[in-house]
Amino acid sequence: MEKKLNFTNQALEQIKKITVGNDKKYFRITVQGGGCSGFKYSFGFDTKSNTDDVIFDKTIIDKTSLEIISGSVVDFKKEMIGESFVINNPKATNSCGCGLSFSV
């Protein structure tokens, strides 16, 4: 089964904007244990990819994290309270109010 991650145009534009000017700069998505609901999304930057990473243009995610969020849509929201990346994960059975913590 193919591991897939989808990106909205808003997310792609923001990732391009924050990684521009550095060919080796990646936007990294990671799923970590913890948070209110069991797992939490983590967003950061990396200058290199690892052997267990999957690369989506300028975004990298490790295979274990991708297994958990495969089929998800990565979006970037601009709201009155701020701007943030959001992952719409169809495998999530529960999430908390912050939107970063979930369970599968």
PDB file of N, CA and C in Angstrom:
ATOM      1  N   MET A   1       0.833  -1.179   0.000  1.00  0.00           N
ATOM      2  CA  MET A   1       0.000   0.000   0.000  1.00  0.00           C
ATOM      3  C   MET A   1       0.883   1.250   0.000  1.00  0.00           C
ATOM      4  N   GLU A   2       0.613   2.152  -0.896  1.00  0.00           N
ATOM      5  CA  GLU A   2       1.400   3.377  -1.025  1.00  0.00           C
ATOM      6  C   GLU A   2       1.107   4.322   0.132  1.00  0.00           C
ATOM      7  N   LYS A   3       2.160   4.883   0.695  1.00  0.00           N
ATOM      8  CA  LYS A   3       2.024   5.877   1.754  1.00  0.00           C
ATOM      9  C   LYS A   3       1.868   7.233   1.089  1.00  0.00           C
ATOM     10  N   LYS A   4       0.789   7.910   1.403  1.00  0.00           N
ATOM     11  CA  LYS A   4       0.506   9.156   0.715  1.00  0.00           C
ATOM     12  C   LYS A   4       0.201  10.261   1.717  1.00  0.00           C
ATOM     13  N   LEU A   5       0.641  11.445   1.367  1.00  0.00           N
ATOM     14  CA  LEU A   5       0.364  12.644   2.138  1.00  0.00           C
ATOM     15  C   LEU A   5      -0.005  13.724   1.138  1.00  0.00           C
ATOM     16  N   ASN A   6      -1.107  14.399   1.373  1.00  0.00           N
ATOM     17  CA  ASN A   6      -1.579  15.433   0.460  1.00  0.00           C
ATOM     18  C   ASN A   6      -1.377  16.811   1.078  1.00  0.00           C
ATOM     19  N   PHE A   7      -1.151  17.798   0.236  1.00  0.00           N
ATOM     20  CA  PHE A   7      -0.917  19.166   0.684  1.00  0.00           C
ATOM     21  C   PHE A   7      -1.869  20.104  -0.038  1.00  0.00           C
ATOM     22  N   THR A   8      -2.469  21.042   0.711  1.00  0.00           N
ATOM     23  CA  THR A   8      -3.287  22.068   0.065  1.00  0.00           C
ATOM     24  C   THR A   8      -2.344  23.082  -0.575  1.00  0.00           C
ATOM     25  N   ASN A   9      -2.878  23.885  -1.481  1.00  0.00           N
ATOM     26  CA  ASN A   9      -2.065  24.936  -2.100  1.00  0.00           C
ATOM     27  C   ASN A   9      -1.526  25.904  -1.059  1.00  0.00           C
ATOM     28  N   GLN A  10      -2.332  26.220  -0.038  1.00  0.00           N
ATOM     29  CA  GLN A  10      -1.897  27.130   1.019  1.00  0.00           C
ATOM     30  C   GLN A  10      -0.687  26.559   1.760  1.00  0.00           C
ATOM     31  N   ALA A  11      -0.707  25.254   2.059  1.00  0.00           N
ATOM     32  CA  ALA A  11       0.413  24.619   2.749  1.00  0.00           C
ATOM     33  C   ALA A  11       1.659  24.619   1.872  1.00  0.00           C
ATOM     34  N   LEU A  12       1.502  24.270   0.594  1.00  0.00           N
ATOM     35  CA  LEU A  12       2.647  24.253  -0.319  1.00  0.00           C
ATOM     36  C   LEU A  12       3.276  25.633  -0.457  1.00  0.00           C
ATOM     37  N   GLU A  13       2.437  26.665  -0.546  1.00  0.00           N
ATOM     38  CA  GLU A  13       2.945  28.036  -0.662  1.00  0.00           C
ATOM     39  C   GLU A  13       3.708  28.448   0.589  1.00  0.00           C
ATOM     40  N   GLN A  14       3.186  28.102   1.765  1.00  0.00           N
ATOM     41  CA  GLN A  14       3.846  28.473   3.011  1.00  0.00           C
ATOM     42  C   GLN A  14       5.159  27.708   3.190  1.00  0.00           C
ATOM     43  N   ILE A  15       5.177  26.431   2.854  1.00  0.00           N
ATOM     44  CA  ILE A  15       6.408  25.639   2.951  1.00  0.00           C
ATOM     45  C   ILE A  15       7.468  26.209   2.017  1.00  0.00           C
ATOM     46  N   LYS A  16       7.066  26.555   0.812  1.00  0.00           N
ATOM     47  CA  LYS A  16       8.007  27.157  -0.138  1.00  0.00           C
ATOM     48  C   LYS A  16       8.541  28.475   0.417  1.00  0.00           C
ATOM     49  N   LYS A  17       7.652  29.275   0.981  1.00  0.00           N
ATOM     50  CA  LYS A  17       8.031  30.588   1.523  1.00  0.00           C
ATOM     51  C   LYS A  17       9.045  30.452   2.658  1.00  0.00           C
ATOM     52  N   ILE A  18       8.853  29.484   3.552  1.00  0.00           N
ATOM     53  CA  ILE A  18       9.738  29.368   4.713  1.00  0.00           C
ATOM     54  C   ILE A  18      11.010  28.582   4.436  1.00  0.00           C
ATOM     55  N   THR A  19      11.084  27.914   3.295  1.00  0.00           N
ATOM     56  CA  THR A  19      12.308  27.179   2.955  1.00  0.00           C
ATOM     57  C   THR A  19      13.071  27.805   1.791  1.00  0.00           C
ATOM     58  N   VAL A  20      12.576  28.931   1.267  1.00  0.00           N
ATOM     59  CA  VAL A  20      13.201  29.563   0.109  1.00  0.00           C
ATOM     60  C   VAL A  20      14.622  30.035   0.444  1.00  0.00           C
ATOM     61  N   GLY A  21      15.492  29.953  -0.555  1.00  0.00           N
ATOM     62  CA  GLY A  21      16.851  30.451  -0.401  1.00  0.00           C
ATOM     63  C   GLY A  21      17.831  29.470   0.191  1.00  0.00           C
ATOM     64  N   ASN A  22      17.377  28.257   0.492  1.00  0.00           N
ATOM     65  CA  ASN A  22      18.275  27.265   1.059  1.00  0.00           C
ATOM     66  C   ASN A  22      17.903  25.901   0.491  1.00  0.00           C
ATOM     67  N   ASP A  23      18.670  25.408  -0.458  1.00  0.00           N
ATOM     68  CA  ASP A  23      18.353  24.146  -1.132  1.00  0.00           C
ATOM     69  C   ASP A  23      18.336  22.946  -0.192  1.00  0.00           C
ATOM     70  N   LYS A  24      19.013  23.034   0.938  1.00  0.00           N
ATOM     71  CA  LYS A  24      19.076  21.891   1.842  1.00  0.00           C
ATOM     72  C   LYS A  24      18.173  22.050   3.055  1.00  0.00           C
ATOM     73  N   LYS A  25      17.301  23.016   3.038  1.00  0.00           N
ATOM     74  CA  LYS A  25      16.407  23.244   4.165  1.00  0.00           C
ATOM     75  C   LYS A  25      15.070  22.568   3.901  1.00  0.00           C
ATOM     76  N   TYR A  26      14.673  21.714   4.815  1.00  0.00           N
ATOM     77  CA  TYR A  26      13.418  20.980   4.696  1.00  0.00           C
ATOM     78  C   TYR A  26      12.463  21.368   5.814  1.00  0.00           C
ATOM     79  N   PHE A  27      11.184  21.287   5.529  1.00  0.00           N
ATOM     80  CA  PHE A  27      10.140  21.380   6.536  1.00  0.00           C
ATOM     81  C   PHE A  27       9.899  19.951   7.004  1.00  0.00           C
ATOM     82  N   ARG A  28      10.029  19.695   8.309  1.00  0.00           N
ATOM     83  CA  ARG A  28       9.892  18.329   8.829  1.00  0.00           C
ATOM     84  C   ARG A  28       8.595  18.193   9.619  1.00  0.00           C
ATOM     85  N   ILE A  29       7.859  17.115   9.310  1.00  0.00           N
ATOM     86  CA  ILE A  29       6.667  16.743  10.067  1.00  0.00           C
ATOM     87  C   ILE A  29       6.986  15.456  10.812  1.00  0.00           C
ATOM     88  N   THR A  30       6.680  15.440  12.094  1.00  0.00           N
ATOM     89  CA  THR A  30       6.922  14.270  12.923  1.00  0.00           C
ATOM     90  C   THR A  30       5.690  14.002  13.776  1.00  0.00           C
ATOM     91  N   VAL A  31       5.400  12.729  14.017  1.00  0.00           N
ATOM     92  CA  VAL A  31       4.365  12.349  14.966  1.00  0.00           C
ATOM     93  C   VAL A  31       5.086  11.778  16.181  1.00  0.00           C
ATOM     94  N   GLN A  32       4.768  12.325  17.346  1.00  0.00           N
ATOM     95  CA  GLN A  32       5.416  11.895  18.585  1.00  0.00           C
ATOM     96  C   GLN A  32       4.370  11.391  19.560  1.00  0.00           C
ATOM     97  N   GLY A  33       4.788  10.503  20.438  1.00  0.00           N
ATOM     98  CA  GLY A  33       3.913  10.067  21.513  1.00  0.00           C
ATOM     99  C   GLY A  33       3.745  11.202  22.503  1.00  0.00           C
ATOM    100  N   GLY A  34       2.546  11.331  23.062  1.00  0.00           N
ATOM    101  CA  GLY A  34       2.300  12.384  24.043  1.00  0.00           C
ATOM    102  C   GLY A  34       1.096  13.206  23.675  1.00  0.00           C
ATOM    103  N   GLY A  35       0.967  14.324  24.315  1.00  0.00           N
ATOM    104  CA  GLY A  35      -0.187  15.180  24.066  1.00  0.00           C
ATOM    105  C   GLY A  35      -1.395  14.672  24.825  1.00  0.00           C
ATOM    106  N   CYS A  36      -2.474  15.384  24.746  1.00  0.00           N
ATOM    107  CA  CYS A  36      -3.700  15.059  25.487  1.00  0.00           C
ATOM    108  C   CYS A  36      -4.331  13.744  25.026  1.00  0.00           C
ATOM    109  N   SER A  37      -4.153  13.415  23.756  1.00  0.00           N
ATOM    110  CA  SER A  37      -4.883  12.278  23.179  1.00  0.00           C
ATOM    111  C   SER A  37      -4.003  11.098  22.779  1.00  0.00           C
ATOM    112  N   GLY A  38      -2.714  11.125  23.044  1.00  0.00           N
ATOM    113  CA  GLY A  38      -1.862   9.978  22.754  1.00  0.00           C
ATOM    114  C   GLY A  38      -0.734  10.255  21.778  1.00  0.00           C
ATOM    115  N   PHE A  39      -1.013  10.999  20.717  1.00  0.00           N
ATOM    116  CA  PHE A  39       0.001  11.396  19.747  1.00  0.00           C
ATOM    117  C   PHE A  39      -0.085  12.898  19.544  1.00  0.00           C
ATOM    118  N   LYS A  40       1.013  13.482  19.082  1.00  0.00           N
ATOM    119  CA  LYS A  40       0.969  14.900  18.735  1.00  0.00           C
ATOM    120  C   LYS A  40       1.819  15.155  17.508  1.00  0.00           C
ATOM    121  N   TYR A  41       1.392  16.141  16.729  1.00  0.00           N
ATOM    122  CA  TYR A  41       2.130  16.553  15.545  1.00  0.00           C
ATOM    123  C   TYR A  41       3.230  17.514  15.963  1.00  0.00           C
ATOM    124  N   SER A  42       4.366  17.391  15.312  1.00  0.00           N
ATOM    125  CA  SER A  42       5.470  18.311  15.553  1.00  0.00           C
ATOM    126  C   SER A  42       5.963  18.811  14.200  1.00  0.00           C
ATOM    127  N   PHE A  43       6.164  20.122  14.105  1.00  0.00           N
ATOM    128  CA  PHE A  43       6.637  20.739  12.877  1.00  0.00           C
ATOM    129  C   PHE A  43       7.971  21.423  13.162  1.00  0.00           C
ATOM    130  N   GLY A  44       8.915  21.267  12.246  1.00  0.00           N
ATOM    131  CA  GLY A  44      10.212  21.902  12.427  1.00  0.00           C
ATOM    132  C   GLY A  44      10.964  21.965  11.115  1.00  0.00           C
ATOM    133  N   PHE A  45      12.259  22.172  11.224  1.00  0.00           N
ATOM    134  CA  PHE A  45      13.115  22.288  10.048  1.00  0.00           C
ATOM    135  C   PHE A  45      14.282  21.343  10.183  1.00  0.00           C
ATOM    136  N   ASP A  46      14.840  20.944   9.050  1.00  0.00           N
ATOM    137  CA  ASP A  46      16.010  20.084   9.042  1.00  0.00           C
ATOM    138  C   ASP A  46      16.845  20.435   7.828  1.00  0.00           C
ATOM    139  N   THR A  47      18.147  20.264   7.943  1.00  0.00           N
ATOM    140  CA  THR A  47      19.035  20.555   6.816  1.00  0.00           C
ATOM    141  C   THR A  47      19.372  19.314   6.026  1.00  0.00           C
ATOM    142  N   LYS A  48      18.967  18.137   6.549  1.00  0.00           N
ATOM    143  CA  LYS A  48      19.260  16.890   5.834  1.00  0.00           C
ATOM    144  C   LYS A  48      18.132  15.892   6.063  1.00  0.00           C
ATOM    145  N   SER A  49      18.079  14.911   5.183  1.00  0.00           N
ATOM    146  CA  SER A  49      17.110  13.840   5.372  1.00  0.00           C
ATOM    147  C   SER A  49      17.846  12.611   5.884  1.00  0.00           C
ATOM    148  N   ASN A  50      17.123  11.757   6.580  1.00  0.00           N
ATOM    149  CA  ASN A  50      17.681  10.520   7.112  1.00  0.00           C
ATOM    150  C   ASN A  50      17.268   9.348   6.226  1.00  0.00           C
ATOM    151  N   THR A  51      17.881   8.196   6.431  1.00  0.00           N
ATOM    152  CA  THR A  51      17.592   7.035   5.588  1.00  0.00           C
ATOM    153  C   THR A  51      16.158   6.559   5.711  1.00  0.00           C
ATOM    154  N   ASP A  52      15.491   6.831   6.850  1.00  0.00           N
ATOM    155  CA  ASP A  52      14.106   6.388   7.020  1.00  0.00           C
ATOM    156  C   ASP A  52      13.093   7.494   6.702  1.00  0.00           C
ATOM    157  N   ASP A  53      13.535   8.554   6.029  1.00  0.00           N
ATOM    158  CA  ASP A  53      12.640   9.655   5.666  1.00  0.00           C
ATOM    159  C   ASP A  53      12.046   9.468   4.277  1.00  0.00           C
ATOM    160  N   VAL A  54      10.839   9.979   4.136  1.00  0.00           N
ATOM    161  CA  VAL A  54      10.189  10.065   2.834  1.00  0.00           C
ATOM    162  C   VAL A  54      10.127  11.555   2.506  1.00  0.00           C
ATOM    163  N   ILE A  55      10.502  11.914   1.287  1.00  0.00           N
ATOM    164  CA  ILE A  55      10.561  13.315   0.891  1.00  0.00           C
ATOM    165  C   ILE A  55       9.397  13.643  -0.028  1.00  0.00           C
ATOM    166  N   PHE A  56       8.673  14.694   0.322  1.00  0.00           N
ATOM    167  CA  PHE A  56       7.604  15.257  -0.495  1.00  0.00           C
ATOM    168  C   PHE A  56       8.050  16.660  -0.857  1.00  0.00           C
ATOM    169  N   ASP A  57       8.742  16.835  -1.964  1.00  0.00           N
ATOM    170  CA  ASP A  57       9.263  18.116  -2.402  1.00  0.00           C
ATOM    171  C   ASP A  57      10.163  18.705  -1.325  1.00  0.00           C
ATOM    172  N   LYS A  58       9.740  19.742  -0.596  1.00  0.00           N
ATOM    173  CA  LYS A  58      10.554  20.366   0.451  1.00  0.00           C
ATOM    174  C   LYS A  58      10.137  19.925   1.854  1.00  0.00           C
ATOM    175  N   THR A  59       9.301  18.895   1.946  1.00  0.00           N
ATOM    176  CA  THR A  59       8.843  18.381   3.239  1.00  0.00           C
ATOM    177  C   THR A  59       9.374  16.969   3.428  1.00  0.00           C
ATOM    178  N   ILE A  60       9.840  16.674   4.645  1.00  0.00           N
ATOM    179  CA  ILE A  60      10.290  15.319   4.958  1.00  0.00           C
ATOM    180  C   ILE A  60       9.536  14.803   6.177  1.00  0.00           C
ATOM    181  N   ILE A  61       9.308  13.503   6.166  1.00  0.00           N
ATOM    182  CA  ILE A  61       8.638  12.835   7.279  1.00  0.00           C
ATOM    183  C   ILE A  61       9.209  11.430   7.396  1.00  0.00           C
ATOM    184  N   ASP A  62       9.464  10.997   8.623  1.00  0.00           N
ATOM    185  CA  ASP A  62      10.011   9.654   8.803  1.00  0.00           C
ATOM    186  C   ASP A  62       8.924   8.617   8.533  1.00  0.00           C
ATOM    187  N   LYS A  63       9.343   7.412   8.157  1.00  0.00           N
ATOM    188  CA  LYS A  63       8.396   6.370   7.739  1.00  0.00           C
ATOM    189  C   LYS A  63       7.425   5.978   8.842  1.00  0.00           C
ATOM    190  N   THR A  64       7.869   5.991  10.094  1.00  0.00           N
ATOM    191  CA  THR A  64       6.982   5.634  11.203  1.00  0.00           C
ATOM    192  C   THR A  64       5.869   6.669  11.354  1.00  0.00           C
ATOM    193  N   SER A  65       6.227   7.950  11.288  1.00  0.00           N
ATOM    194  CA  SER A  65       5.223   9.013  11.374  1.00  0.00           C
ATOM    195  C   SER A  65       4.277   8.960  10.184  1.00  0.00           C
ATOM    196  N   LEU A  66       4.825   8.700   9.006  1.00  0.00           N
ATOM    197  CA  LEU A  66       4.002   8.635   7.803  1.00  0.00           C
ATOM    198  C   LEU A  66       2.981   7.504   7.888  1.00  0.00           C
ATOM    199  N   GLU A  67       3.373   6.393   8.493  1.00  0.00           N
ATOM    200  CA  GLU A  67       2.452   5.268   8.675  1.00  0.00           C
ATOM    201  C   GLU A  67       1.202   5.713   9.443  1.00  0.00           C
ATOM    202  N   ILE A  68       1.399   6.578  10.435  1.00  0.00           N
ATOM    203  CA  ILE A  68       0.295   7.030  11.280  1.00  0.00           C
ATOM    204  C   ILE A  68      -0.585   8.056  10.568  1.00  0.00           C
ATOM    205  N   ILE A  69       0.017   8.903   9.723  1.00  0.00           N
ATOM    206  CA  ILE A  69      -0.773   9.967   9.094  1.00  0.00           C
ATOM    207  C   ILE A  69      -0.955   9.794   7.591  1.00  0.00           C
ATOM    208  N   SER A  70      -0.620   8.629   7.068  1.00  0.00           N
ATOM    209  CA  SER A  70      -0.810   8.369   5.643  1.00  0.00           C
ATOM    210  C   SER A  70      -2.268   8.602   5.263  1.00  0.00           C
ATOM    211  N   GLY A  71      -2.484   9.311   4.167  1.00  0.00           N
ATOM    212  CA  GLY A  71      -3.826   9.643   3.712  1.00  0.00           C
ATOM    213  C   GLY A  71      -4.319  10.986   4.219  1.00  0.00           C
ATOM    214  N   SER A  72      -3.502  11.647   5.029  1.00  0.00           N
ATOM    215  CA  SER A  72      -3.887  12.940   5.604  1.00  0.00           C
ATOM    216  C   SER A  72      -3.673  14.081   4.624  1.00  0.00           C
ATOM    217  N   VAL A  73      -4.286  15.216   4.948  1.00  0.00           N
ATOM    218  CA  VAL A  73      -4.107  16.445   4.193  1.00  0.00           C
ATOM    219  C   VAL A  73      -3.428  17.467   5.101  1.00  0.00           C
ATOM    220  N   VAL A  74      -2.303  18.009   4.634  1.00  0.00           N
ATOM    221  CA  VAL A  74      -1.592  19.058   5.355  1.00  0.00           C
ATOM    222  C   VAL A  74      -2.103  20.396   4.818  1.00  0.00           C
ATOM    223  N   ASP A  75      -2.557  21.250   5.724  1.00  0.00           N
ATOM    224  CA  ASP A  75      -3.111  22.549   5.345  1.00  0.00           C
ATOM    225  C   ASP A  75      -2.407  23.636   6.156  1.00  0.00           C
ATOM    226  N   PHE A  76      -2.525  24.869   5.689  1.00  0.00           N
ATOM    227  CA  PHE A  76      -2.008  26.023   6.424  1.00  0.00           C
ATOM    228  C   PHE A  76      -3.153  27.002   6.576  1.00  0.00           C
ATOM    229  N   LYS A  77      -3.496  27.311   7.828  1.00  0.00           N
ATOM    230  CA  LYS A  77      -4.646  28.168   8.128  1.00  0.00           C
ATOM    231  C   LYS A  77      -4.184  29.516   8.648  1.00  0.00           C
ATOM    232  N   LYS A  78      -4.808  30.563   8.135  1.00  0.00           N
ATOM    233  CA  LYS A  78      -4.613  31.917   8.646  1.00  0.00           C
ATOM    234  C   LYS A  78      -5.923  32.340   9.286  1.00  0.00           C
ATOM    235  N   GLU A  79      -5.887  32.532  10.602  1.00  0.00           N
ATOM    236  CA  GLU A  79      -7.081  32.926  11.337  1.00  0.00           C
ATOM    237  C   GLU A  79      -6.759  34.122  12.211  1.00  0.00           C
ATOM    238  N   MET A  80      -7.765  34.714  12.806  1.00  0.00           N
ATOM    239  CA  MET A  80      -7.555  35.883  13.659  1.00  0.00           C
ATOM    240  C   MET A  80      -6.625  35.582  14.834  1.00  0.00           C
ATOM    241  N   ILE A  81      -6.652  34.354  15.329  1.00  0.00           N
ATOM    242  CA  ILE A  81      -5.825  34.012  16.484  1.00  0.00           C
ATOM    243  C   ILE A  81      -4.400  33.623  16.096  1.00  0.00           C
ATOM    244  N   GLY A  82      -4.123  33.516  14.814  1.00  0.00           N
ATOM    245  CA  GLY A  82      -2.776  33.191  14.362  1.00  0.00           C
ATOM    246  C   GLY A  82      -2.768  32.319  13.124  1.00  0.00           C
ATOM    247  N   GLU A  83      -1.566  31.940  12.734  1.00  0.00           N
ATOM    248  CA  GLU A  83      -1.360  31.085  11.566  1.00  0.00           C
ATOM    249  C   GLU A  83      -0.736  29.777  12.025  1.00  0.00           C
ATOM    250  N   SER A  84      -1.124  28.674  11.383  1.00  0.00           N
ATOM    251  CA  SER A  84      -0.535  27.395  11.769  1.00  0.00           C
ATOM    252  C   SER A  84      -0.782  26.338  10.694  1.00  0.00           C
ATOM    253  N   PHE A  85       0.084  25.335  10.719  1.00  0.00           N
ATOM    254  CA  PHE A  85      -0.132  24.155   9.889  1.00  0.00           C
ATOM    255  C   PHE A  85      -1.123  23.258  10.616  1.00  0.00           C
ATOM    256  N   VAL A  86      -2.007  22.628   9.846  1.00  0.00           N
ATOM    257  CA  VAL A  86      -3.037  21.749  10.386  1.00  0.00           C
ATOM    258  C   VAL A  86      -3.001  20.461   9.572  1.00  0.00           C
ATOM    259  N   ILE A  87      -3.121  19.339  10.248  1.00  0.00           N
ATOM    260  CA  ILE A  87      -3.187  18.059   9.555  1.00  0.00           C
ATOM    261  C   ILE A  87      -4.572  17.467   9.752  1.00  0.00           C
ATOM    262  N   ASN A  88      -5.264  17.221   8.656  1.00  0.00           N
ATOM    263  CA  ASN A  88      -6.579  16.571   8.678  1.00  0.00           C
ATOM    264  C   ASN A  88      -6.343  15.084   8.445  1.00  0.00           C
ATOM    265  N   ASN A  89      -6.346  14.334   9.544  1.00  0.00           N
ATOM    266  CA  ASN A  89      -5.987  12.923   9.527  1.00  0.00           C
ATOM    267  C   ASN A  89      -7.245  12.059   9.593  1.00  0.00           C
ATOM    268  N   PRO A  90      -7.561  11.328   8.506  1.00  0.00           N
ATOM    269  CA  PRO A  90      -8.766  10.488   8.516  1.00  0.00           C
ATOM    270  C   PRO A  90      -8.662   9.305   9.479  1.00  0.00           C
ATOM    271  N   LYS A  91      -7.438   8.975   9.927  1.00  0.00           N
ATOM    272  CA  LYS A  91      -7.257   7.870  10.872  1.00  0.00           C
ATOM    273  C   LYS A  91      -7.471   8.302  12.317  1.00  0.00           C
ATOM    274  N   ALA A  92      -7.493   9.600  12.572  1.00  0.00           N
ATOM    275  CA  ALA A  92      -7.652  10.100  13.944  1.00  0.00           C
ATOM    276  C   ALA A  92      -9.065   9.812  14.440  1.00  0.00           C
ATOM    277  N   THR A  93      -9.159   9.125  15.563  1.00  0.00           N
ATOM    278  CA  THR A  93     -10.457   8.796  16.143  1.00  0.00           C
ATOM    279  C   THR A  93     -10.866   9.792  17.209  1.00  0.00           C
ATOM    280  N   ASN A  94      -9.896  10.563  17.694  1.00  0.00           N
ATOM    281  CA  ASN A  94     -10.163  11.542  18.734  1.00  0.00           C
ATOM    282  C   ASN A  94      -9.085  12.612  18.662  1.00  0.00           C
ATOM    283  N   SER A  95      -9.436  13.841  18.972  1.00  0.00           N
ATOM    284  CA  SER A  95      -8.443  14.912  19.032  1.00  0.00           C
ATOM    285  C   SER A  95      -8.819  15.872  20.133  1.00  0.00           C
ATOM    286  N   CYS A  96      -7.848  16.675  20.555  1.00  0.00           N
ATOM    287  CA  CYS A  96      -8.139  17.631  21.614  1.00  0.00           C
ATOM    288  C   CYS A  96      -8.354  19.008  21.013  1.00  0.00           C
ATOM    289  N   GLY A  97      -8.669  19.960  21.824  1.00  0.00           N
ATOM    290  CA  GLY A  97      -8.992  21.307  21.360  1.00  0.00           C
ATOM    291  C   GLY A  97      -7.871  22.031  20.672  1.00  0.00           C
ATOM    292  N   CYS A  98      -6.620  21.692  20.998  1.00  0.00           N
ATOM    293  CA  CYS A  98      -5.499  22.410  20.384  1.00  0.00           C
ATOM    294  C   CYS A  98      -5.301  22.027  18.919  1.00  0.00           C
ATOM    295  N   GLY A  99      -5.815  20.865  18.511  1.00  0.00           N
ATOM    296  CA  GLY A  99      -5.683  20.420  17.134  1.00  0.00           C
ATOM    297  C   GLY A  99      -4.361  19.747  16.823  1.00  0.00           C
ATOM    298  N   LEU A 100      -3.452  19.698  17.784  1.00  0.00           N
ATOM    299  CA  LEU A 100      -2.138  19.066  17.555  1.00  0.00           C
ATOM    300  C   LEU A 100      -2.061  17.666  18.163  1.00  0.00           C
ATOM    301  N   SER A 101      -2.996  17.310  19.018  1.00  0.00           N
ATOM    302  CA  SER A 101      -2.963  16.032  19.692  1.00  0.00           C
ATOM    303  C   SER A 101      -4.132  15.168  19.191  1.00  0.00           C
ATOM    304  N   PHE A 102      -3.852  13.865  19.014  1.00  0.00           N
ATOM    305  CA  PHE A 102      -4.880  12.989  18.455  1.00  0.00           C
ATOM    306  C   PHE A 102      -4.629  11.544  18.875  1.00  0.00           C
ATOM    307  N   SER A 103      -5.603  10.687  18.645  1.00  0.00           N
ATOM    308  CA  SER A 103      -5.435   9.249  18.848  1.00  0.00           C
ATOM    309  C   SER A 103      -5.920   8.526  17.598  1.00  0.00           C
ATOM    310  N   VAL A 104      -5.403   7.321  17.392  1.00  0.00           N
ATOM    311  CA  VAL A 104      -5.804   6.506  16.239  1.00  0.00           C
ATOM    312  C   VAL A 104      -6.330   5.177  16.702  1.00  0.00           C
TER     313      VAL A 104
END
